[in-house]
């Protein structure tokens, strides 16, 4: 049974906001009661501390298993880095809340697009962030828009991953072959396999498709394949 979350959240939000500033505690406990949303309370390390029943059902509970997980483990690799940057700005005090869309991945890797809003909860005696309330709209869930995004499965061999990284970095066939101790024909063979596996016609589309699927990490250079996709 999902534990009632009110006590912890209420303890953290007893101090009223200073005059002229937003009241960050308003509606915090109300949000946990929403039947149309997946709600979680995170600590400053983004570890899940509490969830509501809808969250429990969507992400394959039981609650005891969900609590203690890092929140980003429940979203697709393609959105993890951008989401972490949003949370980092919040924890640095540069924003009190943000809204975005994420690709959520459930227990069986069923991906769906979800609107997400996050709000910082301040401590009773400190301006530091004591917790973060995350609310994802169940009504706005769009499974069809995430259908093109591959679940987290191991698609690539180690050599395929290095070749994909090289192509994404703009390395041509001969230098790539030299770097990987392959022949030119060997590189072309693996590229052909990658094009077939990702169902694209050329190298430019291959890189674009890899980013859209979350196979390549967003916001990193040189390009790196997410380890979840390597066999």
C-alpha atoms as a PDB file:
ATOM      1  CA  UNK A   1       0.000   0.000   0.000  1.00  0.00           C
ATOM      2  CA  UNK A   2       1.324   3.452  -0.879  1.00  0.00           C
ATOM      3  CA  UNK A   3       2.274   5.396   2.272  1.00  0.00           C
ATOM      4  CA  UNK A   4       0.476   8.691   2.858  1.00  0.00           C
ATOM      5  CA  UNK A   5       2.894  11.467   1.874  1.00  0.00           C
ATOM      6  CA  UNK A   6       1.389  14.419   3.744  1.00  0.00           C
ATOM      7  CA  UNK A   7       3.500  14.371   6.920  1.00  0.00           C
ATOM      8  CA  UNK A   8       6.908  14.785   5.301  1.00  0.00           C
ATOM      9  CA  UNK A   9       5.791  17.406   2.815  1.00  0.00           C
ATOM     10  CA  UNK A  10       3.863  19.411   5.406  1.00  0.00           C
ATOM     11  CA  UNK A  11       6.883  19.388   7.730  1.00  0.00           C
ATOM     12  CA  UNK A  12       8.994  20.859   4.935  1.00  0.00           C
ATOM     13  CA  UNK A  13       6.576  23.609   3.957  1.00  0.00           C
ATOM     14  CA  UNK A  14       5.444  25.219   7.193  1.00  0.00           C
ATOM     15  CA  UNK A  15       7.445  28.438   6.732  1.00  0.00           C
ATOM     16  CA  UNK A  16       5.488  31.024   4.726  1.00  0.00           C
ATOM     17  CA  UNK A  17       7.141  32.626   1.729  1.00  0.00           C
ATOM     18  CA  UNK A  18       8.600  36.119   2.235  1.00  0.00           C
ATOM     19  CA  UNK A  19       6.373  39.013   1.251  1.00  0.00           C
ATOM     20  CA  UNK A  20       6.335  39.551  -2.483  1.00  0.00           C
ATOM     21  CA  UNK A  21       7.718  36.108  -3.313  1.00  0.00           C
ATOM     22  CA  UNK A  22       5.819  33.104  -4.653  1.00  0.00           C
ATOM     23  CA  UNK A  23       4.372  30.759  -2.061  1.00  0.00           C
ATOM     24  CA  UNK A  24       6.199  27.561  -2.974  1.00  0.00           C
ATOM     25  CA  UNK A  25       4.326  25.488  -0.413  1.00  0.00           C
ATOM     26  CA  UNK A  26       0.845  26.301  -1.714  1.00  0.00           C
ATOM     27  CA  UNK A  27      -0.790  23.291  -3.259  1.00  0.00           C
ATOM     28  CA  UNK A  28       2.050  20.896  -2.480  1.00  0.00           C
ATOM     29  CA  UNK A  29      -0.006  18.406  -0.519  1.00  0.00           C
ATOM     30  CA  UNK A  30      -3.019  18.954  -2.769  1.00  0.00           C
ATOM     31  CA  UNK A  31      -0.948  17.819  -5.737  1.00  0.00           C
ATOM     32  CA  UNK A  32      -0.358  14.451  -4.081  1.00  0.00           C
ATOM     33  CA  UNK A  33      -4.098  13.795  -4.037  1.00  0.00           C
ATOM     34  CA  UNK A  34      -4.570  14.332  -7.766  1.00  0.00           C
ATOM     35  CA  UNK A  35      -6.047  11.260  -9.522  1.00  0.00           C
ATOM     36  CA  UNK A  36      -5.080  12.659 -12.949  1.00  0.00           C
ATOM     37  CA  UNK A  37      -1.338  12.954 -12.338  1.00  0.00           C
ATOM     38  CA  UNK A  38       1.755  10.938 -11.480  1.00  0.00           C
ATOM     39  CA  UNK A  39       3.309  12.684  -8.480  1.00  0.00           C
ATOM     40  CA  UNK A  40       6.642  12.119  -6.752  1.00  0.00           C
ATOM     41  CA  UNK A  41       8.631  13.903  -4.068  1.00  0.00           C
ATOM     42  CA  UNK A  42      12.409  13.882  -4.619  1.00  0.00           C
ATOM     43  CA  UNK A  43      15.227  14.776  -2.268  1.00  0.00           C
ATOM     44  CA  UNK A  44      17.982  17.166  -3.481  1.00  0.00           C
ATOM     45  CA  UNK A  45      19.922  14.224  -4.963  1.00  0.00           C
ATOM     46  CA  UNK A  46      16.824  13.517  -7.137  1.00  0.00           C
ATOM     47  CA  UNK A  47      16.179  10.264  -5.293  1.00  0.00           C
ATOM     48  CA  UNK A  48      12.489   9.367  -5.072  1.00  0.00           C
ATOM     49  CA  UNK A  49      11.192   9.621  -1.503  1.00  0.00           C
ATOM     50  CA  UNK A  50       7.412   9.434  -1.920  1.00  0.00           C
ATOM     51  CA  UNK A  51       4.927   8.748  -4.720  1.00  0.00           C
ATOM     52  CA  UNK A  52       1.180   8.813  -5.133  1.00  0.00           C
ATOM     53  CA  UNK A  53      -0.921   5.826  -6.183  1.00  0.00           C
ATOM     54  CA  UNK A  54      -1.083   6.883  -9.837  1.00  0.00           C
ATOM     55  CA  UNK A  55       2.737   7.095 -10.016  1.00  0.00           C
ATOM     56  CA  UNK A  56       2.936   3.692  -8.347  1.00  0.00           C
ATOM     57  CA  UNK A  57       0.682   2.149 -10.992  1.00  0.00           C
ATOM     58  CA  UNK A  58       2.299   3.879 -13.980  1.00  0.00           C
ATOM     59  CA  UNK A  59       5.880   2.998 -13.108  1.00  0.00           C
ATOM     60  CA  UNK A  60       5.276  -0.546 -11.982  1.00  0.00           C
ATOM     61  CA  UNK A  61       5.632  -0.205  -8.173  1.00  0.00           C
ATOM     62  CA  UNK A  62       5.490  -1.399  -5.486  1.00  0.00           C
ATOM     63  CA  UNK A  63       6.239   1.875  -3.763  1.00  0.00           C
ATOM     64  CA  UNK A  64       9.006   0.262  -1.717  1.00  0.00           C
ATOM     65  CA  UNK A  65      10.871  -0.471  -4.960  1.00  0.00           C
ATOM     66  CA  UNK A  66      10.314   2.965  -6.490  1.00  0.00           C
ATOM     67  CA  UNK A  67      11.407   4.903  -3.414  1.00  0.00           C
ATOM     68  CA  UNK A  68      15.195   5.065  -3.353  1.00  0.00           C
ATOM     69  CA  UNK A  69      15.525   5.119  -7.148  1.00  0.00           C
ATOM     70  CA  UNK A  70      17.010   8.073  -8.995  1.00  0.00           C
ATOM     71  CA  UNK A  71      14.183   9.847 -10.798  1.00  0.00           C
ATOM     72  CA  UNK A  72      16.072   9.937 -14.100  1.00  0.00           C
ATOM     73  CA  UNK A  73      16.135   6.132 -14.148  1.00  0.00           C
ATOM     74  CA  UNK A  74      12.451   6.349 -15.068  1.00  0.00           C
ATOM     75  CA  UNK A  75      12.922   8.507 -18.162  1.00  0.00           C
ATOM     76  CA  UNK A  76      14.388   7.677 -21.549  1.00  0.00           C
ATOM     77  CA  UNK A  77      18.151   8.280 -22.045  1.00  0.00           C
ATOM     78  CA  UNK A  78      17.409  10.880 -24.736  1.00  0.00           C
ATOM     79  CA  UNK A  79      15.917  13.261 -22.149  1.00  0.00           C
ATOM     80  CA  UNK A  80      18.059  12.502 -19.107  1.00  0.00           C
ATOM     81  CA  UNK A  81      20.801  15.102 -19.666  1.00  0.00           C
ATOM     82  CA  UNK A  82      18.463  18.028 -20.506  1.00  0.00           C
ATOM     83  CA  UNK A  83      16.304  17.128 -17.500  1.00  0.00           C
ATOM     84  CA  UNK A  84      19.322  16.970 -15.196  1.00  0.00           C
ATOM     85  CA  UNK A  85      20.337  20.469 -16.333  1.00  0.00           C
ATOM     86  CA  UNK A  86      16.872  21.783 -15.464  1.00  0.00           C
ATOM     87  CA  UNK A  87      17.053  20.238 -11.992  1.00  0.00           C
ATOM     88  CA  UNK A  88      20.592  21.597 -11.493  1.00  0.00           C
ATOM     89  CA  UNK A  89      19.416  25.156 -12.175  1.00  0.00           C
ATOM     90  CA  UNK A  90      16.635  24.676  -9.647  1.00  0.00           C
ATOM     91  CA  UNK A  91      19.004  23.354  -6.975  1.00  0.00           C
ATOM     92  CA  UNK A  92      21.345  26.295  -7.637  1.00  0.00           C
ATOM     93  CA  UNK A  93      18.479  28.671  -6.866  1.00  0.00           C
ATOM     94  CA  UNK A  94      18.255  30.012 -10.423  1.00  0.00           C
ATOM     95  CA  UNK A  95      14.609  29.005 -10.773  1.00  0.00           C
ATOM     96  CA  UNK A  96      11.809  27.874  -8.465  1.00  0.00           C
ATOM     97  CA  UNK A  97       9.916  25.735 -10.966  1.00  0.00           C
ATOM     98  CA  UNK A  98      10.041  24.543 -14.551  1.00  0.00           C
ATOM     99  CA  UNK A  99       7.846  22.738 -17.051  1.00  0.00           C
ATOM    100  CA  UNK A 100       8.959  20.436 -19.849  1.00  0.00           C
ATOM    101  CA  UNK A 101       8.085  17.165 -21.584  1.00  0.00           C
ATOM    102  CA  UNK A 102       9.779  13.867 -20.862  1.00  0.00           C
ATOM    103  CA  UNK A 103       9.679  10.366 -22.302  1.00  0.00           C
ATOM    104  CA  UNK A 104       8.748   8.140 -19.404  1.00  0.00           C
ATOM    105  CA  UNK A 105       9.734   4.470 -19.403  1.00  0.00           C
ATOM    106  CA  UNK A 106       7.754   2.037 -17.293  1.00  0.00           C
ATOM    107  CA  UNK A 107       8.612  -1.337 -15.837  1.00  0.00           C
ATOM    108  CA  UNK A 108       8.415  -3.013 -19.242  1.00  0.00           C
ATOM    109  CA  UNK A 109      10.089  -0.113 -21.132  1.00  0.00           C
ATOM    110  CA  UNK A 110       6.783   1.149 -22.595  1.00  0.00           C
ATOM    111  CA  UNK A 111       7.644   4.698 -23.606  1.00  0.00           C
ATOM    112  CA  UNK A 112       5.187   7.590 -23.540  1.00  0.00           C
ATOM    113  CA  UNK A 113       5.475  11.372 -23.739  1.00  0.00           C
ATOM    114  CA  UNK A 114       4.415  13.184 -20.567  1.00  0.00           C
ATOM    115  CA  UNK A 115       4.136  16.876 -19.606  1.00  0.00           C
ATOM    116  CA  UNK A 116       6.217  17.382 -16.451  1.00  0.00           C
ATOM    117  CA  UNK A 117       6.288  20.256 -13.982  1.00  0.00           C
ATOM    118  CA  UNK A 118       8.698  20.495 -11.063  1.00  0.00           C
ATOM    119  CA  UNK A 119       8.594  22.798  -8.048  1.00  0.00           C
ATOM    120  CA  UNK A 120      11.237  23.452  -5.410  1.00  0.00           C
ATOM    121  CA  UNK A 121      10.147  23.030  -1.787  1.00  0.00           C
ATOM    122  CA  UNK A 122      12.173  25.153   0.605  1.00  0.00           C
ATOM    123  CA  UNK A 123      13.194  24.107   4.107  1.00  0.00           C
ATOM    124  CA  UNK A 124      11.525  25.581   7.174  1.00  0.00           C
ATOM    125  CA  UNK A 125      14.665  27.388   8.383  1.00  0.00           C
ATOM    126  CA  UNK A 126      16.864  27.604   5.291  1.00  0.00           C
ATOM    127  CA  UNK A 127      16.554  28.958   1.743  1.00  0.00           C
ATOM    128  CA  UNK A 128      18.048  25.729   0.391  1.00  0.00           C
ATOM    129  CA  UNK A 129      15.903  23.291  -1.551  1.00  0.00           C
ATOM    130  CA  UNK A 130      14.684  20.601   0.839  1.00  0.00           C
ATOM    131  CA  UNK A 131      12.697  18.634  -1.722  1.00  0.00           C
ATOM    132  CA  UNK A 132      11.401  18.768  -5.271  1.00  0.00           C
ATOM    133  CA  UNK A 133       7.794  17.998  -6.163  1.00  0.00           C
ATOM    134  CA  UNK A 134       7.396  16.466  -9.625  1.00  0.00           C
ATOM    135  CA  UNK A 135       3.981  16.277 -11.260  1.00  0.00           C
ATOM    136  CA  UNK A 136       3.396  14.535 -14.605  1.00  0.00           C
ATOM    137  CA  UNK A 137      -0.013  14.883 -16.225  1.00  0.00           C
ATOM    138  CA  UNK A 138      -1.710  11.540 -16.829  1.00  0.00           C
ATOM    139  CA  UNK A 139      -4.278  13.304 -19.013  1.00  0.00           C
ATOM    140  CA  UNK A 140      -1.506  14.609 -21.280  1.00  0.00           C
ATOM    141  CA  UNK A 141       0.185  11.231 -21.787  1.00  0.00           C
ATOM    142  CA  UNK A 142       0.891  10.554 -25.467  1.00  0.00           C
ATOM    143  CA  UNK A 143       2.060   7.034 -26.135  1.00  0.00           C
ATOM    144  CA  UNK A 144       1.837   7.407 -29.901  1.00  0.00           C
ATOM    145  CA  UNK A 145       4.329  10.296 -29.995  1.00  0.00           C
ATOM    146  CA  UNK A 146       6.939   8.185 -28.236  1.00  0.00           C
ATOM    147  CA  UNK A 147       6.351   5.109 -30.379  1.00  0.00           C
ATOM    148  CA  UNK A 148       9.261   6.052 -32.661  1.00  0.00           C
ATOM    149  CA  UNK A 149      11.629   6.144 -29.687  1.00  0.00           C
ATOM    150  CA  UNK A 150      13.260   2.803 -29.060  1.00  0.00           C
ATOM    151  CA  UNK A 151      13.045   1.353 -25.556  1.00  0.00           C
ATOM    152  CA  UNK A 152      16.269   0.926 -23.674  1.00  0.00           C
ATOM    153  CA  UNK A 153      17.606  -2.221 -25.297  1.00  0.00           C
ATOM    154  CA  UNK A 154      21.065  -3.254 -26.385  1.00  0.00           C
ATOM    155  CA  UNK A 155      21.111  -2.524 -30.118  1.00  0.00           C
ATOM    156  CA  UNK A 156      24.802  -2.111 -30.853  1.00  0.00           C
ATOM    157  CA  UNK A 157      28.013  -4.065 -30.571  1.00  0.00           C
ATOM    158  CA  UNK A 158      31.020  -2.269 -29.101  1.00  0.00           C
ATOM    159  CA  UNK A 159      32.514  -1.675 -32.570  1.00  0.00           C
ATOM    160  CA  UNK A 160      29.170  -0.428 -33.930  1.00  0.00           C
ATOM    161  CA  UNK A 161      28.992   2.065 -31.075  1.00  0.00           C
ATOM    162  CA  UNK A 162      32.487   3.419 -31.796  1.00  0.00           C
ATOM    163  CA  UNK A 163      31.690   3.730 -35.510  1.00  0.00           C
ATOM    164  CA  UNK A 164      28.456   5.576 -34.783  1.00  0.00           C
ATOM    165  CA  UNK A 165      30.313   7.964 -32.482  1.00  0.00           C
ATOM    166  CA  UNK A 166      32.887   8.583 -35.214  1.00  0.00           C
ATOM    167  CA  UNK A 167      30.239   9.285 -37.851  1.00  0.00           C
ATOM    168  CA  UNK A 168      28.435  11.661 -35.464  1.00  0.00           C
ATOM    169  CA  UNK A 169      31.739  13.494 -34.906  1.00  0.00           C
ATOM    170  CA  UNK A 170      32.237  13.895 -38.659  1.00  0.00           C
ATOM    171  CA  UNK A 171      35.127  11.433 -39.009  1.00  0.00           C
ATOM    172  CA  UNK A 172      35.363  10.034 -42.531  1.00  0.00           C
ATOM    173  CA  UNK A 173      35.772   6.351 -43.377  1.00  0.00           C
ATOM    174  CA  UNK A 174      39.570   6.098 -43.772  1.00  0.00           C
ATOM    175  CA  UNK A 175      40.537   7.914 -40.534  1.00  0.00           C
ATOM    176  CA  UNK A 176      37.813   5.954 -38.726  1.00  0.00           C
ATOM    177  CA  UNK A 177      39.165   2.680 -40.090  1.00  0.00           C
ATOM    178  CA  UNK A 178      42.672   3.614 -38.936  1.00  0.00           C
ATOM    179  CA  UNK A 179      41.433   4.584 -35.491  1.00  0.00           C
ATOM    180  CA  UNK A 180      39.548   1.318 -35.012  1.00  0.00           C
ATOM    181  CA  UNK A 181      42.139  -0.961 -36.703  1.00  0.00           C
ATOM    182  CA  UNK A 182      39.670  -1.950 -39.406  1.00  0.00           C
ATOM    183  CA  UNK A 183      39.844  -1.955 -43.181  1.00  0.00           C
ATOM    184  CA  UNK A 184      37.846   0.571 -45.142  1.00  0.00           C
ATOM    185  CA  UNK A 185      35.568  -2.270 -46.249  1.00  0.00           C
ATOM    186  CA  UNK A 186      35.141  -3.321 -42.633  1.00  0.00           C
ATOM    187  CA  UNK A 187      33.924   0.144 -41.658  1.00  0.00           C
ATOM    188  CA  UNK A 188      31.527   0.255 -44.612  1.00  0.00           C
ATOM    189  CA  UNK A 189      30.191  -3.164 -43.637  1.00  0.00           C
ATOM    190  CA  UNK A 190      29.366  -1.950 -40.120  1.00  0.00           C
ATOM    191  CA  UNK A 191      27.881   1.308 -41.423  1.00  0.00           C
ATOM    192  CA  UNK A 192      25.577  -0.671 -43.702  1.00  0.00           C
ATOM    193  CA  UNK A 193      24.494  -2.737 -40.710  1.00  0.00           C
ATOM    194  CA  UNK A 194      23.786   0.420 -38.702  1.00  0.00           C
ATOM    195  CA  UNK A 195      21.719   1.919 -41.512  1.00  0.00           C
ATOM    196  CA  UNK A 196      19.685  -1.270 -41.653  1.00  0.00           C
ATOM    197  CA  UNK A 197      19.271  -1.554 -37.881  1.00  0.00           C
ATOM    198  CA  UNK A 198      18.052   2.036 -37.491  1.00  0.00           C
ATOM    199  CA  UNK A 199      16.078   1.942 -40.767  1.00  0.00           C
ATOM    200  CA  UNK A 200      17.612   5.040 -42.369  1.00  0.00           C
ATOM    201  CA  UNK A 201      18.997   5.696 -45.889  1.00  0.00           C
ATOM    202  CA  UNK A 202      22.283   7.534 -45.205  1.00  0.00           C
ATOM    203  CA  UNK A 203      24.801   8.648 -42.577  1.00  0.00           C
ATOM    204  CA  UNK A 204      23.188  12.026 -41.884  1.00  0.00           C
ATOM    205  CA  UNK A 205      19.864  10.339 -41.180  1.00  0.00           C
ATOM    206  CA  UNK A 206      21.683   7.740 -39.083  1.00  0.00           C
ATOM    207  CA  UNK A 207      23.045  10.394 -36.716  1.00  0.00           C
ATOM    208  CA  UNK A 208      19.705  12.214 -36.555  1.00  0.00           C
ATOM    209  CA  UNK A 209      17.860   8.997 -35.822  1.00  0.00           C
ATOM    210  CA  UNK A 210      20.370   7.972 -33.166  1.00  0.00           C
ATOM    211  CA  UNK A 211      19.886  11.276 -31.317  1.00  0.00           C
ATOM    212  CA  UNK A 212      16.091  11.080 -31.574  1.00  0.00           C
ATOM    213  CA  UNK A 213      16.131   7.546 -30.148  1.00  0.00           C
ATOM    214  CA  UNK A 214      18.434   8.542 -27.311  1.00  0.00           C
ATOM    215  CA  UNK A 215      21.209   6.229 -28.548  1.00  0.00           C
ATOM    216  CA  UNK A 216      23.613   9.202 -28.590  1.00  0.00           C
ATOM    217  CA  UNK A 217      23.896  11.347 -25.470  1.00  0.00           C
ATOM    218  CA  UNK A 218      22.519  14.863 -25.752  1.00  0.00           C
ATOM    219  CA  UNK A 219      24.800  17.778 -24.839  1.00  0.00           C
ATOM    220  CA  UNK A 220      28.130  15.945 -24.910  1.00  0.00           C
ATOM    221  CA  UNK A 221      31.160  16.278 -27.216  1.00  0.00           C
ATOM    222  CA  UNK A 222      32.662  14.231 -28.683  1.00  0.00           C
ATOM    223  CA  UNK A 223      29.487  12.194 -29.263  1.00  0.00           C
ATOM    224  CA  UNK A 224      29.031   9.205 -26.980  1.00  0.00           C
ATOM    225  CA  UNK A 225      26.625   6.272 -27.222  1.00  0.00           C
ATOM    226  CA  UNK A 226      24.486   5.672 -24.125  1.00  0.00           C
ATOM    227  CA  UNK A 227      25.824   2.502 -22.495  1.00  0.00           C
ATOM    228  CA  UNK A 228      22.317   1.036 -22.186  1.00  0.00           C
ATOM    229  CA  UNK A 229      22.334   0.479 -25.955  1.00  0.00           C
ATOM    230  CA  UNK A 230      25.638  -1.422 -26.135  1.00  0.00           C
ATOM    231  CA  UNK A 231      25.549  -5.230 -26.028  1.00  0.00           C
END
